[in-house]
C-alpha atoms as a PDB file:
ATOM      1  CA  MET A   1     -68.359  60.480  38.396  1.00  0.00           C
ATOM      2  CA  LYS A   2     -65.799  59.149  41.142  1.00  0.00           C
ATOM      3  CA  ARG A   3     -68.311  56.254  41.635  1.00  0.00           C
ATOM      4  CA  LYS A   4     -69.183  55.347  38.314  1.00  0.00           C
ATOM      5  CA  ASN A   5     -65.394  54.712  37.590  1.00  0.00           C
ATOM      6  CA  PHE A   6     -64.818  52.992  40.658  1.00  0.00           C
ATOM      7  CA  ILE A   7     -67.456  50.669  39.573  1.00  0.00           C
ATOM      8  CA  TYR A   8     -66.026  50.078  36.490  1.00  0.00           C
ATOM      9  CA  GLY A   9     -62.524  49.594  38.128  1.00  0.00           C
ATOM     10  CA  LEU A  10     -64.067  46.930  40.770  1.00  0.00           C
ATOM     11  CA  LEU A  11     -65.323  44.736  38.236  1.00  0.00           C
ATOM     12  CA  SER A  12     -62.767  44.888  35.177  1.00  0.00           C
ATOM     13  CA  GLY A  13     -59.729  45.336  37.274  1.00  0.00           C
ATOM     14  CA  LEU A  14     -59.609  44.025  40.278  1.00  0.00           C
ATOM     15  CA  GLY A  15     -62.864  42.137  41.244  1.00  0.00           C
ATOM     16  CA  ILE A  16     -62.915  39.567  38.437  1.00  0.00           C
ATOM     17  CA  ALA A  17     -59.068  39.298  37.820  1.00  0.00           C
ATOM     18  CA  GLY A  18     -58.625  39.040  41.712  1.00  0.00           C
ATOM     19  CA  THR A  19     -61.774  36.653  41.622  1.00  0.00           C
ATOM     20  CA  ALA A  20     -59.768  34.310  39.574  1.00  0.00           C
ATOM     21  CA  LEU A  21     -56.024  34.820  40.736  1.00  0.00           C
ATOM     22  CA  THR A  22     -57.725  33.495  44.309  1.00  0.00           C
ATOM     23  CA  ILE A  23     -58.871  30.562  42.690  1.00  0.00           C
ATOM     24  CA  ARG A  24     -55.646  30.028  41.064  1.00  0.00           C
ATOM     25  CA  HIS A  25     -53.399  30.835  44.604  1.00  0.00           C
ATOM     26  CA  LEU A  26     -55.962  28.435  46.559  1.00  0.00           C
ATOM     27  CA  LEU A  27     -55.319  25.896  43.818  1.00  0.00           C
ATOM     28  CA  SER A  28     -51.584  26.704  43.734  1.00  0.00           C
ATOM     29  CA  ASN A  29     -51.261  25.660  47.753  1.00  0.00           C
ATOM     30  CA  SER A  30     -53.136  22.558  47.164  1.00  0.00           C
ATOM     31  CA  ASN A  31     -50.813  21.049  44.303  1.00  0.00           C
ATOM     32  CA  ASN A  32     -47.830  22.068  46.418  1.00  0.00           C
ATOM     33  CA  ALA A  33     -49.128  20.768  49.668  1.00  0.00           C
ATOM     34  CA  ASN A  34     -46.335  17.998  49.799  1.00  0.00           C
ATOM     35  CA  LYS A  35     -43.311  20.526  48.933  1.00  0.00           C
ATOM     36  CA  ASN A  36     -40.546  20.615  51.838  1.00  0.00           C
ATOM     37  CA  GLU A  37     -41.435  22.673  54.795  1.00  0.00           C
ATOM     38  CA  LYS A  38     -37.978  24.079  55.110  1.00  0.00           C
ATOM     39  CA  GLU A  39     -38.061  25.529  51.412  1.00  0.00           C
ATOM     40  CA  ASN A  40     -41.785  26.887  52.094  1.00  0.00           C
ATOM     41  CA  GLU A  41     -39.897  29.023  54.999  1.00  0.00           C
ATOM     42  CA  LYS A  42     -37.073  30.013  53.261  1.00  0.00           C
ATOM     43  CA  GLU A  43     -38.946  30.849  50.137  1.00  0.00           C
ATOM     44  CA  ASN A  44     -41.182  33.488  52.628  1.00  0.00           C
ATOM     45  CA  LYS A  45     -38.488  34.548  54.848  1.00  0.00           C
ATOM     46  CA  ARG A  46     -36.753  36.023  51.244  1.00  0.00           C
ATOM     47  CA  MET A  47     -40.222  37.798  50.709  1.00  0.00           C
ATOM     48  CA  ILE A  48     -40.650  39.377  53.834  1.00  0.00           C
ATOM     49  CA  LYS A  49     -36.918  41.479  54.774  1.00  0.00           C
ATOM     50  CA  THR A  50     -37.324  44.556  57.196  1.00  0.00           C
ATOM     51  CA  THR A  51     -34.946  46.879  58.652  1.00  0.00           C
ATOM     52  CA  THR A  52     -35.028  49.550  61.062  1.00  0.00           C
ATOM     53  CA  THR A  53     -33.522  52.063  58.552  1.00  0.00           C
ATOM     54  CA  THR A  54     -36.025  51.465  55.608  1.00  0.00           C
ATOM     55  CA  THR A  55     -39.482  51.179  57.238  1.00  0.00           C
ATOM     56  CA  LYS A  56     -41.217  53.882  56.614  1.00  0.00           C
ATOM     57  CA  TYR A  57     -43.107  54.152  59.961  1.00  0.00           C
ATOM     58  CA  PRO A  58     -40.598  53.155  62.473  1.00  0.00           C
ATOM     59  CA  ASN A  59     -42.450  54.464  65.740  1.00  0.00           C
ATOM     60  CA  LEU A  60     -46.045  53.987  64.766  1.00  0.00           C
ATOM     61  CA  LYS A  61     -47.947  51.221  66.650  1.00  0.00           C
ATOM     62  CA  ILE A  62     -50.768  48.720  65.681  1.00  0.00           C
ATOM     63  CA  SER A  63     -52.687  46.353  66.988  1.00  0.00           C
ATOM     64  CA  PHE A  64     -55.688  43.818  65.566  1.00  0.00           C
ATOM     65  CA  LEU A  65     -58.603  42.836  67.744  1.00  0.00           C
ATOM     66  CA  GLY A  66     -59.201  39.567  65.781  1.00  0.00           C
ATOM     67  CA  GLY A  67     -56.967  37.357  63.684  1.00  0.00           C
ATOM     68  CA  GLY A  68     -59.180  35.683  60.814  1.00  0.00           C
ATOM     69  CA  ASP A  69     -57.157  35.240  57.792  1.00  0.00           C
ATOM     70  CA  ILE A  70     -57.478  39.548  56.741  1.00  0.00           C
ATOM     71  CA  SER A  71     -56.260  40.353  59.421  1.00  0.00           C
ATOM     72  CA  TRP A  72     -53.122  37.881  58.869  1.00  0.00           C
ATOM     73  CA  ALA A  73     -52.878  39.127  55.417  1.00  0.00           C
ATOM     74  CA  ILE A  74     -52.853  42.879  56.268  1.00  0.00           C
ATOM     75  CA  ILE A  75     -50.250  42.504  58.574  1.00  0.00           C
ATOM     76  CA  THR A  76     -48.247  40.237  56.054  1.00  0.00           C
ATOM     77  CA  GLY A  77     -48.713  43.469  53.462  1.00  0.00           C
ATOM     78  CA  LEU A  78     -47.350  45.883  55.826  1.00  0.00           C
ATOM     79  CA  VAL A  79     -44.333  43.902  57.141  1.00  0.00           C
ATOM     80  CA  LYS A  80     -43.131  42.641  53.775  1.00  0.00           C
ATOM     81  CA  ASN A  81     -43.687  46.192  52.424  1.00  0.00           C
ATOM     82  CA  GLN A  82     -41.476  47.646  55.434  1.00  0.00           C
ATOM     83  CA  LEU A  83     -44.658  50.202  56.538  1.00  0.00           C
ATOM     84  CA  ILE A  84     -44.232  48.971  60.315  1.00  0.00           C
ATOM     85  CA  LYS A  85     -41.950  46.993  62.175  1.00  0.00           C
ATOM     86  CA  GLU A  86     -42.818  43.548  63.335  1.00  0.00           C
ATOM     87  CA  GLU A  87     -42.318  44.593  67.077  1.00  0.00           C
ATOM     88  CA  ASN A  88     -44.517  47.473  66.729  1.00  0.00           C
ATOM     89  CA  ILE A  89     -47.596  45.330  65.800  1.00  0.00           C
ATOM     90  CA  GLN A  90     -49.718  43.049  68.374  1.00  0.00           C
ATOM     91  CA  ILE A  91     -52.749  40.854  67.800  1.00  0.00           C
ATOM     92  CA  TYR A  92     -55.711  39.673  69.886  1.00  0.00           C
ATOM     93  CA  ASP A  93     -56.187  36.492  68.863  1.00  0.00           C
ATOM     94  CA  PRO A  94     -56.055  33.706  71.930  1.00  0.00           C
ATOM     95  CA  THR A  95     -57.348  31.156  69.713  1.00  0.00           C
ATOM     96  CA  ASN A  96     -54.370  31.413  66.703  1.00  0.00           C
ATOM     97  CA  LYS A  97     -50.544  31.893  66.184  1.00  0.00           C
ATOM     98  CA  PRO A  98     -49.121  33.584  63.870  1.00  0.00           C
ATOM     99  CA  PRO A  99     -47.109  32.131  61.191  1.00  0.00           C
ATOM    100  CA  LYS A 100     -43.598  31.428  60.961  1.00  0.00           C
ATOM    101  CA  ILE A 101     -42.391  34.228  59.104  1.00  0.00           C
ATOM    102  CA  LEU A 102     -44.137  36.892  61.377  1.00  0.00           C
ATOM    103  CA  LYS A 103     -42.141  35.561  64.327  1.00  0.00           C
ATOM    104  CA  GLU A 104     -42.360  38.567  66.130  1.00  0.00           C
ATOM    105  CA  ILE A 105     -45.614  39.579  66.117  1.00  0.00           C
ATOM    106  CA  LYS A 106     -46.819  39.346  69.715  1.00  0.00           C
ATOM    107  CA  VAL A 107     -50.420  37.458  70.044  1.00  0.00           C
ATOM    108  CA  VAL A 108     -51.774  38.685  73.179  1.00  0.00           C
ATOM    109  CA  GLU A 109     -55.002  37.411  75.739  1.00  0.00           C
ATOM    110  CA  GLU A 110     -56.328  40.826  76.655  1.00  0.00           C
ATOM    111  CA  VAL A 111     -57.925  43.358  74.756  1.00  0.00           C
ATOM    112  CA  THR A 112     -56.823  46.607  76.831  1.00  0.00           C
ATOM    113  CA  GLY A 113     -53.268  45.279  76.423  1.00  0.00           C
ATOM    114  CA  ALA A 114     -53.269  45.377  72.802  1.00  0.00           C
ATOM    115  CA  VAL A 115     -55.307  49.024  72.193  1.00  0.00           C
ATOM    116  CA  ASN A 116     -53.233  50.490  75.139  1.00  0.00           C
ATOM    117  CA  PHE A 117     -50.268  49.893  73.271  1.00  0.00           C
ATOM    118  CA  SER A 118     -51.029  51.514  69.881  1.00  0.00           C
ATOM    119  CA  ASP A 119     -51.545  53.925  67.666  1.00  0.00           C
ATOM    120  CA  ILE A 120     -53.703  52.780  65.390  1.00  0.00           C
ATOM    121  CA  VAL A 121     -56.387  49.682  66.405  1.00  0.00           C
ATOM    122  CA  VAL A 122     -57.809  47.322  63.798  1.00  0.00           C
ATOM    123  CA  LEU A 123     -60.936  45.925  64.652  1.00  0.00           C
ATOM    124  CA  GLY A 124     -62.005  42.306  63.336  1.00  0.00           C
ATOM    125  CA  ILE A 125     -63.962  40.930  64.820  1.00  0.00           C
ATOM    126  CA  PRO A 126     -67.477  38.733  63.812  1.00  0.00           C
ATOM    127  CA  PRO A 127     -70.229  41.051  63.912  1.00  0.00           C
ATOM    128  CA  HIS A 128     -72.284  38.214  66.074  1.00  0.00           C
ATOM    129  CA  ASN A 129     -70.012  38.659  68.703  1.00  0.00           C
ATOM    130  CA  CYS A 130     -68.003  42.326  68.228  1.00  0.00           C
ATOM    131  CA  SER A 131     -69.966  43.369  71.668  1.00  0.00           C
ATOM    132  CA  LYS A 132     -68.198  41.277  74.283  1.00  0.00           C
ATOM    133  CA  THR A 133     -64.988  42.831  73.198  1.00  0.00           C
ATOM    134  CA  LEU A 134     -66.130  46.106  71.891  1.00  0.00           C
ATOM    135  CA  LYS A 135     -67.250  46.628  75.595  1.00  0.00           C
ATOM    136  CA  ILE A 136     -63.844  46.028  76.812  1.00  0.00           C
ATOM    137  CA  LEU A 137     -62.774  49.378  75.150  1.00  0.00           C
ATOM    138  CA  ASN A 138     -64.287  51.530  77.632  1.00  0.00           C
ATOM    139  CA  GLN A 139     -61.638  49.930  79.982  1.00  0.00           C
ATOM    140  CA  THR A 140     -58.953  51.313  77.850  1.00  0.00           C
ATOM    141  CA  ARG A 141     -56.939  54.581  78.111  1.00  0.00           C
ATOM    142  CA  ASP A 142     -56.994  57.617  76.121  1.00  0.00           C
ATOM    143  CA  VAL A 143     -58.997  56.417  73.099  1.00  0.00           C
ATOM    144  CA  SER A 144     -59.569  59.456  71.639  1.00  0.00           C
ATOM    145  CA  SER A 145     -56.211  60.143  70.857  1.00  0.00           C
ATOM    146  CA  LYS A 146     -56.379  56.621  68.583  1.00  0.00           C
ATOM    147  CA  ILE A 147     -57.174  55.872  65.103  1.00  0.00           C
ATOM    148  CA  PHE A 148     -59.936  52.953  65.079  1.00  0.00           C
ATOM    149  CA  VAL A 149     -60.285  50.811  61.697  1.00  0.00           C
ATOM    150  CA  SER A 150     -63.545  49.096  61.774  1.00  0.00           C
ATOM    151  CA  PHE A 151     -63.429  45.669  59.033  1.00  0.00           C
ATOM    152  CA  ILE A 152     -66.739  44.371  61.215  1.00  0.00           C
ATOM    153  CA  LYS A 153     -69.562  44.497  58.344  1.00  0.00           C
ATOM    154  CA  ASN A 154     -72.630  46.155  59.242  1.00  0.00           C
ATOM    155  CA  ARG A 155     -71.830  47.886  62.258  1.00  0.00           C
ATOM    156  CA  THR A 156     -72.093  51.734  61.655  1.00  0.00           C
ATOM    157  CA  PHE A 157     -70.729  54.797  63.342  1.00  0.00           C
ATOM    158  CA  LYS A 158     -73.421  55.024  65.727  1.00  0.00           C
ATOM    159  CA  TYR A 159     -72.619  51.397  67.141  1.00  0.00           C
ATOM    160  CA  LEU A 160     -69.095  51.559  67.507  1.00  0.00           C
ATOM    161  CA  LYS A 161     -69.409  54.893  69.086  1.00  0.00           C
ATOM    162  CA  ASN A 162     -71.408  53.433  71.985  1.00  0.00           C
ATOM    163  CA  PHE A 163     -68.560  51.615  72.352  1.00  0.00           C
ATOM    164  CA  ILE A 164     -65.692  53.573  72.158  1.00  0.00           C
ATOM    165  CA  GLY A 165     -67.190  57.104  72.194  1.00  0.00           C
ATOM    166  CA  ASN A 166     -68.148  59.774  69.918  1.00  0.00           C
ATOM    167  CA  ASP A 167     -64.960  61.851  70.307  1.00  0.00           C
ATOM    168  CA  SER A 168     -63.003  59.057  68.831  1.00  0.00           C
ATOM    169  CA  LYS A 169     -61.500  58.565  65.183  1.00  0.00           C
ATOM    170  CA  ILE A 170     -63.230  55.838  63.585  1.00  0.00           C
ATOM    171  CA  ILE A 171     -63.079  54.669  59.811  1.00  0.00           C
ATOM    172  CA  ARG A 172     -65.043  51.726  58.710  1.00  0.00           C
ATOM    173  CA  ALA A 173     -63.510  49.327  55.736  1.00  0.00           C
ATOM    174  CA  SER A 174     -64.818  46.992  53.736  1.00  0.00           C
ATOM    175  CA  PHE A 175     -62.958  44.208  52.219  1.00  0.00           C
ATOM    176  CA  ASN A 176     -63.605  41.273  49.680  1.00  0.00           C
ATOM    177  CA  GLU A 177     -61.576  37.708  49.983  1.00  0.00           C
ATOM    178  CA  PRO A 178     -59.232  38.389  47.056  1.00  0.00           C
ATOM    179  CA  LEU A 179     -57.609  40.699  49.726  1.00  0.00           C
ATOM    180  CA  LEU A 180     -56.200  37.366  51.090  1.00  0.00           C
ATOM    181  CA  ILE A 181     -53.622  37.391  47.787  1.00  0.00           C
ATOM    182  CA  ASN A 182     -53.471  41.153  47.666  1.00  0.00           C
ATOM    183  CA  LYS A 183     -55.722  41.857  44.898  1.00  0.00           C
ATOM    184  CA  GLY A 184     -58.523  42.996  47.593  1.00  0.00           C
ATOM    185  CA  ALA A 185     -61.042  46.162  46.288  1.00  0.00           C
ATOM    186  CA  SER A 186     -62.128  47.904  49.262  1.00  0.00           C
ATOM    187  CA  GLY A 187     -63.664  51.053  50.573  1.00  0.00           C
ATOM    188  CA  ILE A 188     -62.724  53.355  53.192  1.00  0.00           C
ATOM    189  CA  VAL A 189     -65.363  56.091  55.280  1.00  0.00           C
ATOM    190  CA  GLY A 190     -63.626  58.391  57.894  1.00  0.00           C
ATOM    191  CA  CYS A 191     -66.117  59.450  60.937  1.00  0.00           C
ATOM    192  CA  GLN A 192     -66.884  63.260  61.383  1.00  0.00           C
ATOM    193  CA  ASN A 193     -63.631  63.214  63.677  1.00  0.00           C
ATOM    194  CA  CYS A 194     -61.005  61.838  60.932  1.00  0.00           C
ATOM    195  CA  ILE A 195     -59.161  64.669  59.266  1.00  0.00           C
ATOM    196  CA  GLU A 196     -57.258  64.358  55.965  1.00  0.00           C
ATOM    197  CA  ASP A 197     -54.567  62.586  57.258  1.00  0.00           C
ATOM    198  CA  ASP A 198     -56.022  59.715  58.860  1.00  0.00           C
ATOM    199  CA  ILE A 199     -57.720  58.679  55.898  1.00  0.00           C
ATOM    200  CA  GLU A 200     -54.485  58.991  53.589  1.00  0.00           C
ATOM    201  CA  LEU A 201     -52.831  57.391  56.370  1.00  0.00           C
ATOM    202  CA  ILE A 202     -54.748  54.119  56.186  1.00  0.00           C
ATOM    203  CA  ILE A 203     -55.318  54.152  52.672  1.00  0.00           C
ATOM    204  CA  GLU A 204     -51.352  53.994  52.564  1.00  0.00           C
ATOM    205  CA  LEU A 205     -51.327  50.674  54.805  1.00  0.00           C
ATOM    206  CA  LEU A 206     -54.201  49.476  52.965  1.00  0.00           C
ATOM    207  CA  GLN A 207     -52.656  49.680  49.948  1.00  0.00           C
ATOM    208  CA  PRO A 208     -50.181  46.875  49.859  1.00  0.00           C
ATOM    209  CA  VAL A 209     -53.151  43.970  49.690  1.00  0.00           C
ATOM    210  CA  SER A 210     -56.466  45.797  48.036  1.00  0.00           C
ATOM    211  CA  PHE A 211     -57.297  48.769  45.846  1.00  0.00           C
ATOM    212  CA  VAL A 212     -58.964  51.281  48.118  1.00  0.00           C
ATOM    213  CA  ILE A 213     -61.085  54.205  47.411  1.00  0.00           C
ATOM    214  CA  ASP A 214     -62.801  56.249  50.171  1.00  0.00           C
ATOM    215  CA  SER A 215     -65.879  58.822  50.652  1.00  0.00           C
ATOM    216  CA  GLU A 216     -67.660  60.682  52.952  1.00  0.00           C
ATOM    217  CA  ASP A 217     -70.786  58.648  52.894  1.00  0.00           C
ATOM    218  CA  GLU A 218     -70.722  55.915  55.432  1.00  0.00           C
ATOM    219  CA  SER A 219     -73.947  54.494  53.175  1.00  0.00           C
ATOM    220  CA  PHE A 220     -71.290  54.352  50.335  1.00  0.00           C
ATOM    221  CA  LEU A 221     -70.063  50.893  52.206  1.00  0.00           C
ATOM    222  CA  ASP A 222     -73.196  49.217  51.221  1.00  0.00           C
ATOM    223  CA  SER A 223     -72.941  50.180  47.847  1.00  0.00           C
ATOM    224  CA  VAL A 224     -69.234  48.706  47.685  1.00  0.00           C
ATOM    225  CA  ASP A 225     -69.414  45.440  49.779  1.00  0.00           C
ATOM    226  CA  VAL A 226     -72.275  44.529  47.131  1.00  0.00           C
ATOM    227  CA  ILE A 227     -69.827  45.119  44.284  1.00  0.00           C
ATOM    228  CA  SER A 228     -66.902  44.205  45.361  1.00  0.00           C
ATOM    229  CA  GLY A 229     -67.947  41.212  47.745  1.00  0.00           C
ATOM    230  CA  CYS A 230     -71.123  40.212  46.793  1.00  0.00           C
ATOM    231  CA  GLY A 231     -69.621  40.850  43.168  1.00  0.00           C
ATOM    232  CA  THR A 232     -66.765  38.042  43.987  1.00  0.00           C
ATOM    233  CA  THR A 233     -69.230  35.193  44.296  1.00  0.00           C
ATOM    234  CA  PHE A 234     -71.086  36.506  41.142  1.00  0.00           C
ATOM    235  CA  VAL A 235     -67.816  36.141  39.710  1.00  0.00           C
ATOM    236  CA  PHE A 236     -67.311  32.521  41.442  1.00  0.00           C
ATOM    237  CA  LYS A 237     -70.818  31.151  39.821  1.00  0.00           C
ATOM    238  CA  LEU A 238     -69.737  32.510  36.122  1.00  0.00           C
ATOM    239  CA  MET A 239     -66.474  30.844  36.608  1.00  0.00           C
ATOM    240  CA  GLU A 240     -68.576  27.494  37.691  1.00  0.00           C
ATOM    241  CA  ALA A 241     -70.928  27.537  34.544  1.00  0.00           C
ATOM    242  CA  LEU A 242     -68.263  28.206  32.145  1.00  0.00           C
ATOM    243  CA  ILE A 243     -66.408  25.076  33.773  1.00  0.00           C
ATOM    244  CA  GLU A 244     -69.359  23.018  33.823  1.00  0.00           C
ATOM    245  CA  GLU A 245     -69.952  23.340  29.969  1.00  0.00           C
ATOM    246  CA  ALA A 246     -66.661  22.787  29.355  1.00  0.00           C
ATOM    247  CA  LYS A 247     -66.310  19.302  30.733  1.00  0.00           C
ATOM    248  CA  GLN A 248     -69.298  18.795  28.781  1.00  0.00           C
ATOM    249  CA  VAL A 249     -68.070  19.299  25.600  1.00  0.00           C
ATOM    250  CA  GLY A 250     -65.071  17.277  26.372  1.00  0.00           C
ATOM    251  CA  ILE A 251     -62.447  18.998  27.844  1.00  0.00           C
ATOM    252  CA  GLU A 252     -60.770  17.290  31.330  1.00  0.00           C
ATOM    253  CA  GLU A 253     -61.607  19.286  34.433  1.00  0.00           C
ATOM    254  CA  GLU A 254     -58.031  20.291  35.460  1.00  0.00           C
ATOM    255  CA  ASP A 255     -57.693  22.052  31.949  1.00  0.00           C
ATOM    256  CA  ALA A 256     -61.004  23.477  31.670  1.00  0.00           C
ATOM    257  CA  THR A 257     -60.749  24.790  35.598  1.00  0.00           C
ATOM    258  CA  ASN A 258     -57.358  26.599  34.472  1.00  0.00           C
ATOM    259  CA  LEU A 259     -58.762  27.381  30.989  1.00  0.00           C
ATOM    260  CA  VAL A 260     -61.555  29.740  32.874  1.00  0.00           C
ATOM    261  CA  ILE A 261     -59.381  30.906  35.719  1.00  0.00           C
ATOM    262  CA  GLU A 262     -57.317  32.283  33.075  1.00  0.00           C
ATOM    263  CA  THR A 263     -59.969  33.586  30.971  1.00  0.00           C
ATOM    264  CA  ILE A 264     -60.910  35.637  33.612  1.00  0.00           C
ATOM    265  CA  ILE A 265     -57.780  37.186  34.680  1.00  0.00           C
ATOM    266  CA  GLY A 266     -56.978  37.728  31.110  1.00  0.00           C
ATOM    267  CA  SER A 267     -60.365  39.807  30.626  1.00  0.00           C
ATOM    268  CA  GLY A 268     -60.193  41.764  33.878  1.00  0.00           C
ATOM    269  CA  LYS A 269     -56.413  42.688  33.049  1.00  0.00           C
ATOM    270  CA  LEU A 270     -57.576  44.113  29.448  1.00  0.00           C
ATOM    271  CA  SER A 271     -60.385  45.750  31.013  1.00  0.00           C
ATOM    272  CA  LYS A 272     -58.390  47.237  33.041  1.00  0.00           C
ATOM    273  CA  GLU A 273     -56.046  48.924  30.582  1.00  0.00           C
ATOM    274  CA  ARG A 274     -58.927  49.695  28.380  1.00  0.00           C
ATOM    275  CA  ASN A 275     -60.047  51.376  31.148  1.00  0.00           C
ATOM    276  CA  LYS A 276     -57.405  53.818  31.619  1.00  0.00           C
ATOM    277  CA  ILE A 277     -57.930  54.909  28.031  1.00  0.00           C
ATOM    278  CA  GLY A 278     -62.135  55.295  28.081  1.00  0.00           C
ATOM    279  CA  ILE A 279     -63.011  52.132  27.141  1.00  0.00           C
ATOM    280  CA  PHE A 280     -65.613  50.461  29.291  1.00  0.00           C
ATOM    281  CA  PRO A 281     -66.560  47.028  30.085  1.00  0.00           C
ATOM    282  CA  ASP A 282     -69.931  47.110  27.962  1.00  0.00           C
ATOM    283  CA  GLN A 283     -68.021  48.467  25.088  1.00  0.00           C
ATOM    284  CA  LEU A 284     -65.381  45.977  25.283  1.00  0.00           C
ATOM    285  CA  SER A 285     -68.210  43.297  24.618  1.00  0.00           C
ATOM    286  CA  GLU A 286     -69.767  44.832  21.604  1.00  0.00           C
ATOM    287  CA  LEU A 287     -66.471  45.472  20.239  1.00  0.00           C
ATOM    288  CA  ALA A 288     -66.018  41.830  20.596  1.00  0.00           C
ATOM    289  CA  SER A 289     -69.127  40.671  19.320  1.00  0.00           C
ATOM    290  CA  LYS A 290     -68.608  42.662  16.490  1.00  0.00           C
ATOM    291  CA  LYS A 291     -65.240  41.376  15.701  1.00  0.00           C
ATOM    292  CA  ASN A 292     -66.921  37.787  16.136  1.00  0.00           C
ATOM    293  CA  LYS A 293     -70.011  35.894  15.387  1.00  0.00           C
ATOM    294  CA  LEU A 294     -70.140  33.533  18.015  1.00  0.00           C
ATOM    295  CA  ASP A 295     -69.623  36.170  20.706  1.00  0.00           C
ATOM    296  CA  SER A 296     -72.457  38.100  18.808  1.00  0.00           C
ATOM    297  CA  TYR A 297     -74.827  34.484  19.200  1.00  0.00           C
ATOM    298  CA  ALA A 298     -74.128  34.117  22.644  1.00  0.00           C
ATOM    299  CA  LEU A 299     -74.333  37.921  23.897  1.00  0.00           C
ATOM    300  CA  ASN A 300     -78.004  37.987  21.570  1.00  0.00           C
ATOM    301  CA  TYR A 301     -78.650  35.008  23.941  1.00  0.00           C
ATOM    302  CA  LEU A 302     -78.151  36.096  27.277  1.00  0.00           C
ATOM    303  CA  LYS A 303     -80.030  39.667  26.395  1.00  0.00           C
ATOM    304  CA  GLU A 304     -82.825  37.820  25.197  1.00  0.00           C
ATOM    305  CA  ASN A 305     -83.049  35.971  28.666  1.00  0.00           C
ATOM    306  CA  SER A 306     -82.436  38.843  30.787  1.00  0.00           C
ATOM    307  CA  TYR A 307     -79.058  38.068  31.943  1.00  0.00           C
ATOM    308  CA  LYS A 308     -78.110  41.948  32.611  1.00  0.00           C
ATOM    309  CA  SER A 309     -81.055  42.600  34.632  1.00  0.00           C
ATOM    310  CA  THR A 310     -80.780  39.460  36.395  1.00  0.00           C
ATOM    311  CA  ILE A 311     -77.788  40.469  37.949  1.00  0.00           C
ATOM    312  CA  VAL A 312     -78.554  43.976  38.609  1.00  0.00           C
ATOM    313  CA  ASN A 313     -81.656  42.381  40.460  1.00  0.00           C
ATOM    314  CA  ALA A 314     -79.635  40.295  42.282  1.00  0.00           C
ATOM    315  CA  ILE A 315     -77.129  43.360  43.679  1.00  0.00           C
ATOM    316  CA  LYS A 316     -80.010  45.546  44.307  1.00  0.00           C
ATOM    317  CA  LEU A 317     -81.185  42.949  46.502  1.00  0.00           C
ATOM    318  CA  SER A 318     -77.950  42.226  48.360  1.00  0.00           C
ATOM    319  CA  HIS A 319     -77.577  46.056  48.654  1.00  0.00           C
ATOM    320  CA  GLN A 320     -81.003  46.295  50.321  1.00  0.00           C
ATOM    321  CA  LYS A 321     -80.374  43.132  52.709  1.00  0.00           C
ATOM    322  CA  SER A 322     -77.035  44.839  53.602  1.00  0.00           C
ATOM    323  CA  ILE A 323     -78.573  48.214  54.850  1.00  0.00           C
ATOM    324  CA  GLU A 324     -81.702  45.992  56.575  1.00  0.00           C
ATOM    325  CA  LEU A 325     -78.795  44.465  58.569  1.00  0.00           C
ATOM    326  CA  ASN A 326     -76.889  47.263  59.913  1.00  0.00           C
ATOM    327  CA  ASP A 327     -76.695  47.342  63.269  1.00  0.00           C
ATOM    328  CA  LYS A 328     -78.529  43.990  63.864  1.00  0.00           C
END
């Protein structure tokens, strides 16, 4: 039941609305590209204010190996929500500089220094070249006392322990693109060395940017990746079709895009609210079709053309491929 409710929550409350919000955020950034840089910096500084007296974990240190967009999104969430002090965060990312609003974050060029510095190590390295960085972990001291949080897709505990050690605390985590705008939907699984407090801490640190659910079953992450990760792409394709048809019936492209985005956001939020009282998406669609004949005609057409089974089969295929890619 826990897993069923998780899937409903992802699709109805966060996966769908978060996907649309991601698009709206990107469009907004594009439209404001020429905004005065000083105004942007001033606005961002108002967003992120930390003091030593209000930081929840003033002594906790965390390092990120890999400085992609996901890492910076998590760092921003940690600082903005006053969970960890900026000076207690390091990132191994010799190719990128931190955003101006995170000027206290130290970007280092050595993996060993970043790992030795921290209590928590976040692995945000692309899977195709992660082994080179992971090999260096063998040279760091006392890794068994640290928590390693791996966002490396399709790299299992067995694979990671070859580099970090069998006694290490490792938590695997999934993510999807809406995490970039604090609307992610994620799953985490801890290895047998992790205790409940470790899991609860990582959930708390991720919650500013993502909805999080945990499981004791490592294979659960393959399911989460498909639902929240591939699910985001499915929603994009649905939006693409809606926008295209809106243009065909005479709606201007900008209006069509905004209309579809707001429709998806509204549908996700409505579904999330109804989910709280036990009304799930399948029931909402049936209720809508009873109120509106146009909805009924459209739903009947989708059923006749195997719309649902096509999506289900795509999910099953993605799930199988995810399993096949593990440790490859």
